[in-house]
Amino acid sequence: MPSTSITFRQPAHLGCTAIWPTSRLRGCVRGTMPSALHWDLTPISIGSGGFMAQTNINGIRMRYDDVGQGPALLLLHAFPLSAAMWQPQVEALQDQFRLIVPDLRGFGGTDAPPGTYPMDEMADDLAALLDFLGIEQAALCGLSMGGYIAMAFLRHYPSRVRALILADTRAGADSDEARAAREANARLAESAGPTAIADKMIPGLVAPYATKAVRDTLRSLILANTPEGIAGALRGMAVRPDSTAGLCDMSVPTLVIV
């Protein structure tokens, strides 16, 4: 099946949320062309979801949601949030897909061990989770950091990827300036905690006219994380390899949202 790709301009700044409405996920996951998608730009609200299960994999306790029936779709959250950011998508898609929605290493209810979290290691976590759940192949949807992890998963486990959605992410490695900025933020998290990270990041996550409710929800998701988890992910993103060359070899249906 040939890959498909389409670009949206700035869908992350619709004022309400940085999450793209669920109706636009279905075309890629089902392997159809983007023309099958719906194009309304109605913003959605971020929900706060509960979690149904946890398991021990790769030396950590991972918390995740596993709901719905149908083709498996793995939803990978952005930094520095958690699986709860996907609640609107879960509510809309659970009748069509089996949704696997983990708190990634260091976030939400998943353990946050000390040290750096390379994207390759986080991809290994996901492979182990799919093994535990008896899922051989899944579509992956990654937002921002989740996209980095999805690309790492594709590099290491290409036969397990049924389709790919890359949202507000990029294939290139960090520049020297970007790595320095991530290290500065990691040290800020370690010295001043998640509150300082929330204060610094939220203005860049949503549009200036975003509602107070959305800002408050983002803050609550960030504050639920630990300094160790935030710092570990920042340092892991800083050392991720360049995935650009691998884009030419992608053979799965792919949707790119920018």
Protein backbone atom coordinates (compact mmCIF):
# COMPACT_ATOMS: atom_id res chain seq x y z
CA MET A 1 0.00 0.00 0.00
CA PRO A 2 1.52 3.37 -0.96
CA SER A 3 2.13 5.96 1.70
CA THR A 4 -0.03 9.06 1.86
CA SER A 5 0.89 12.44 3.22
CA ILE A 6 -0.72 15.82 3.66
CA THR A 7 0.29 19.00 5.44
CA PHE A 8 -1.93 21.28 7.51
CA ARG A 9 -0.83 24.82 8.36
CA GLN A 10 -0.62 25.57 12.08
CA PRO A 11 -3.37 23.24 13.36
CA ALA A 12 -1.80 23.42 16.81
CA HIS A 13 -2.89 27.02 17.38
CA LEU A 14 -6.65 27.00 17.10
CA GLY A 15 -7.00 28.68 20.47
CA CYS A 16 -8.48 25.77 22.34
CA THR A 17 -5.89 23.05 22.19
CA ALA A 18 -2.75 21.73 20.57
CA ILE A 19 -4.52 18.45 19.73
CA TRP A 20 -5.98 17.90 16.26
CA PRO A 21 -9.65 16.80 16.21
CA THR A 22 -10.24 13.10 15.92
CA SER A 23 -12.10 13.11 12.61
CA ARG A 24 -8.82 13.81 10.85
CA LEU A 25 -7.11 10.69 12.13
CA ARG A 26 -9.28 8.11 10.44
CA GLY A 27 -8.09 8.33 6.84
CA CYS A 28 -4.48 7.40 7.52
CA VAL A 29 -5.17 4.70 10.08
CA ARG A 30 -7.59 2.93 7.79
CA GLY A 31 -5.18 3.25 4.86
CA THR A 32 -7.41 5.52 2.76
CA MET A 33 -6.40 8.71 1.00
CA PRO A 34 -6.61 12.10 2.76
CA SER A 35 -9.62 13.06 0.61
CA ALA A 36 -11.69 10.85 2.89
CA LEU A 37 -11.02 13.15 5.83
CA HIS A 38 -13.27 15.90 7.17
CA TRP A 39 -11.94 19.45 7.04
CA ASP A 40 -13.89 21.48 9.61
CA LEU A 41 -11.58 23.44 11.92
CA THR A 42 -13.72 23.33 15.05
CA PRO A 43 -11.45 23.37 18.13
CA ILE A 44 -11.85 20.74 20.81
CA SER A 45 -11.25 20.80 24.53
CA ILE A 46 -8.64 18.80 26.39
CA GLY A 47 -10.11 16.26 28.79
CA SER A 48 -8.64 14.55 31.82
CA GLY A 49 -8.78 10.81 31.39
CA GLY A 50 -8.49 7.91 33.77
CA PHE A 51 -6.26 4.90 33.28
CA MET A 52 -7.27 1.29 33.40
CA ALA A 53 -4.08 -0.68 33.80
CA GLN A 54 -0.37 -0.75 34.46
CA THR A 55 2.42 -3.22 33.81
CA ASN A 56 6.12 -3.59 34.50
CA ILE A 57 8.27 -3.37 31.37
CA ASN A 58 11.93 -2.57 30.81
CA GLY A 59 12.48 -1.98 34.50
CA ILE A 60 9.68 0.57 34.95
CA ARG A 61 6.01 0.53 35.81
CA MET A 62 4.07 1.86 32.81
CA ARG A 63 0.54 3.14 33.10
CA TYR A 64 -1.69 2.97 30.03
CA ASP A 65 -5.22 2.90 28.75
CA ASP A 66 -6.46 0.08 26.48
CA VAL A 67 -9.97 0.72 25.19
CA GLY A 68 -12.09 -0.03 22.16
CA GLN A 69 -12.09 -2.67 19.47
CA GLY A 70 -10.70 -2.75 15.96
CA PRO A 71 -7.30 -1.99 14.43
CA ALA A 72 -4.76 -1.06 17.09
CA LEU A 73 -3.85 2.64 17.28
CA LEU A 74 -1.06 3.75 19.63
CA LEU A 75 -1.36 7.40 20.75
CA LEU A 76 1.91 9.01 21.89
CA HIS A 77 1.58 12.22 23.85
CA ALA A 78 3.58 15.43 23.63
CA PHE A 79 6.16 16.82 26.06
CA PRO A 80 5.61 17.58 28.92
CA LEU A 81 2.06 16.24 29.13
CA SER A 82 0.61 12.74 29.56
CA ALA A 83 -1.84 10.31 28.01
CA ALA A 84 -4.71 12.39 29.42
CA MET A 85 -4.25 14.88 26.58
CA TRP A 86 -5.76 12.30 24.21
CA GLN A 87 -9.08 11.96 26.07
CA PRO A 88 -11.21 13.65 23.35
CA GLN A 89 -9.70 11.37 20.71
CA VAL A 90 -10.29 8.33 22.91
CA GLU A 91 -13.94 9.24 23.35
CA ALA A 92 -14.43 9.71 19.61
CA LEU A 93 -12.39 6.79 18.26
CA GLN A 94 -12.94 3.96 20.71
CA ASP A 95 -15.86 2.56 18.70
CA GLN A 96 -13.64 2.14 15.61
CA PHE A 97 -10.20 1.32 17.01
CA ARG A 98 -8.43 -0.44 19.83
CA LEU A 99 -6.67 2.53 21.42
CA ILE A 100 -3.45 2.01 23.34
CA VAL A 101 -2.69 5.25 25.18
CA PRO A 102 0.37 5.10 27.46
CA ASP A 103 1.91 7.56 29.83
CA LEU A 104 5.39 7.57 28.33
CA ARG A 105 8.49 6.94 30.43
CA GLY A 106 8.80 9.75 32.99
CA PHE A 107 5.27 11.14 32.62
CA GLY A 108 1.89 10.83 34.30
CA GLY A 109 1.52 7.59 36.21
CA THR A 110 4.54 5.90 34.62
CA ASP A 111 7.79 5.69 36.58
CA ALA A 112 10.36 8.45 36.16
CA PRO A 113 13.77 6.90 36.87
CA PRO A 114 16.81 9.16 37.09
CA GLY A 115 18.90 9.70 33.97
CA THR A 116 18.38 10.42 30.29
CA TYR A 117 15.49 8.89 28.32
CA PRO A 118 16.70 8.32 24.73
CA MET A 119 13.92 8.16 22.16
CA ASP A 120 15.14 4.68 21.18
CA GLU A 121 14.63 3.48 24.75
CA MET A 122 11.13 4.94 24.82
CA ALA A 123 10.42 3.12 21.56
CA ASP A 124 11.61 -0.10 23.19
CA ASP A 125 9.15 0.57 26.02
CA LEU A 126 6.34 0.68 23.48
CA ALA A 127 7.43 -2.52 21.77
CA ALA A 128 7.44 -4.25 25.15
CA LEU A 129 3.98 -2.86 25.92
CA LEU A 130 2.62 -4.16 22.61
CA ASP A 131 4.21 -7.54 23.35
CA PHE A 132 2.51 -7.59 26.75
CA LEU A 133 -0.84 -6.78 25.13
CA GLY A 134 -0.39 -9.38 22.38
CA ILE A 135 -0.40 -6.78 19.59
CA GLU A 136 1.92 -7.54 16.69
CA GLN A 137 1.23 -4.47 14.57
CA ALA A 138 -0.29 -1.04 15.22
CA ALA A 139 -0.75 2.39 13.72
CA LEU A 140 1.22 5.05 15.60
CA CYS A 141 0.16 8.65 16.14
CA GLY A 142 2.78 10.88 17.79
CA LEU A 143 2.49 14.56 18.68
CA SER A 144 5.75 16.52 19.02
CA MET A 145 7.93 14.34 21.30
CA GLY A 146 5.54 11.51 20.54
CA GLY A 147 6.49 11.93 16.89
CA TYR A 148 10.18 11.57 17.72
CA ILE A 149 9.37 8.32 19.48
CA ALA A 150 7.18 7.12 16.61
CA MET A 151 10.06 7.66 14.18
CA ALA A 152 12.42 5.80 16.51
CA PHE A 153 9.90 2.95 16.68
CA LEU A 154 9.72 2.85 12.89
CA ARG A 155 13.53 2.64 12.66
CA HIS A 156 13.76 -0.28 15.06
CA TYR A 157 10.46 -2.10 14.47
CA PRO A 158 9.37 -1.33 10.89
CA SER A 159 7.36 -4.52 10.48
CA ARG A 160 5.22 -3.60 13.48
CA VAL A 161 4.05 -0.25 12.07
CA ARG A 162 0.78 -0.43 10.13
CA ALA A 163 0.44 3.33 9.56
CA LEU A 164 1.99 6.52 10.89
CA ILE A 165 0.67 9.94 11.92
CA LEU A 166 3.33 12.57 12.66
CA ALA A 167 1.82 15.70 14.21
CA ASP A 168 3.71 18.93 14.91
CA THR A 169 7.05 17.13 14.97
CA ARG A 170 10.20 16.95 12.81
CA ALA A 171 12.72 14.42 11.61
CA GLY A 172 15.88 16.48 12.07
CA ALA A 173 18.18 16.29 15.06
CA ASP A 174 18.55 19.25 17.42
CA SER A 175 20.94 22.05 16.57
CA ASP A 176 23.61 23.02 19.08
CA GLU A 177 21.41 25.91 20.18
CA ALA A 178 18.40 23.65 20.65
CA ARG A 179 20.42 21.16 22.69
CA ALA A 180 21.67 23.98 24.90
CA ALA A 181 18.11 25.21 25.40
CA ARG A 182 16.91 21.72 26.36
CA GLU A 183 19.74 21.39 28.88
CA ALA A 184 18.83 24.77 30.36
CA ASN A 185 15.22 23.66 30.70
CA ALA A 186 16.29 20.35 32.23
CA ARG A 187 18.26 22.22 34.86
CA LEU A 188 15.30 24.55 35.41
CA ALA A 189 13.05 21.55 36.03
CA GLU A 190 15.55 20.08 38.48
CA SER A 191 16.03 23.34 40.37
CA ALA A 192 12.56 24.92 40.25
CA GLY A 193 10.23 22.04 39.46
CA PRO A 194 7.37 21.52 37.00
CA THR A 195 5.76 24.86 37.88
CA ALA A 196 8.66 26.74 36.31
CA ILE A 197 8.41 24.59 33.18
CA ALA A 198 4.67 25.22 32.94
CA ASP A 199 5.17 28.97 33.30
CA LYS A 200 7.77 28.94 30.55
CA MET A 201 6.10 26.57 28.08
CA ILE A 202 2.36 27.19 28.18
CA PRO A 203 2.50 30.52 26.28
CA GLY A 204 4.12 28.65 23.39
CA LEU A 205 1.75 25.68 23.47
CA VAL A 206 -1.47 27.58 22.76
CA ALA A 207 -2.54 30.73 20.98
CA PRO A 208 -2.80 34.00 22.95
CA TYR A 209 -6.60 33.79 22.82
CA ALA A 210 -6.75 30.26 24.31
CA THR A 211 -9.27 29.97 27.12
CA LYS A 212 -8.30 29.93 30.77
CA ALA A 213 -9.79 26.43 31.04
CA VAL A 214 -7.39 25.09 28.42
CA ARG A 215 -4.41 26.82 30.03
CA ASP A 216 -5.41 25.46 33.43
CA THR A 217 -5.74 21.94 32.06
CA LEU A 218 -2.33 22.09 30.41
CA ARG A 219 -0.86 23.35 33.66
CA SER A 220 -2.42 20.50 35.63
CA LEU A 221 -1.01 17.92 33.20
CA ILE A 222 2.48 19.43 33.42
CA LEU A 223 2.40 19.76 37.21
CA ALA A 224 1.50 16.07 37.53
CA ASN A 225 4.98 15.19 36.27
CA THR A 226 8.22 15.02 38.22
CA PRO A 227 11.39 17.08 37.76
CA GLU A 228 13.26 13.84 36.99
CA GLY A 229 10.83 12.85 34.24
CA ILE A 230 10.86 16.27 32.61
CA ALA A 231 14.65 16.51 32.71
CA GLY A 232 15.13 12.94 31.48
CA ALA A 233 12.91 13.50 28.45
CA LEU A 234 14.54 16.84 27.61
CA ARG A 235 17.98 15.27 27.60
CA GLY A 236 16.68 12.32 25.60
CA MET A 237 15.23 14.59 22.93
CA ALA A 238 18.49 16.53 22.78
CA VAL A 239 20.50 13.43 21.82
CA ARG A 240 18.04 11.90 19.36
CA PRO A 241 19.51 11.03 15.94
CA ASP A 242 18.52 12.64 12.67
CA SER A 243 15.69 10.65 11.09
CA THR A 244 15.55 12.60 7.82
CA ALA A 245 17.30 9.96 5.69
CA GLY A 246 14.79 7.34 6.77
CA LEU A 247 11.85 9.32 5.41
CA CYS A 248 12.67 8.18 1.88
CA ASP A 249 12.39 4.54 2.94
CA MET A 250 8.98 4.82 4.60
CA SER A 251 6.51 2.45 2.98
CA VAL A 252 3.52 2.65 5.34
CA PRO A 253 0.54 5.00 4.93
CA THR A 254 1.67 8.25 6.56
CA LEU A 255 -0.10 11.46 7.51
CA VAL A 256 1.97 14.54 8.38
CA ILE A 257 0.28 17.37 10.30
CA VAL A 258 2.28 20.60 10.64
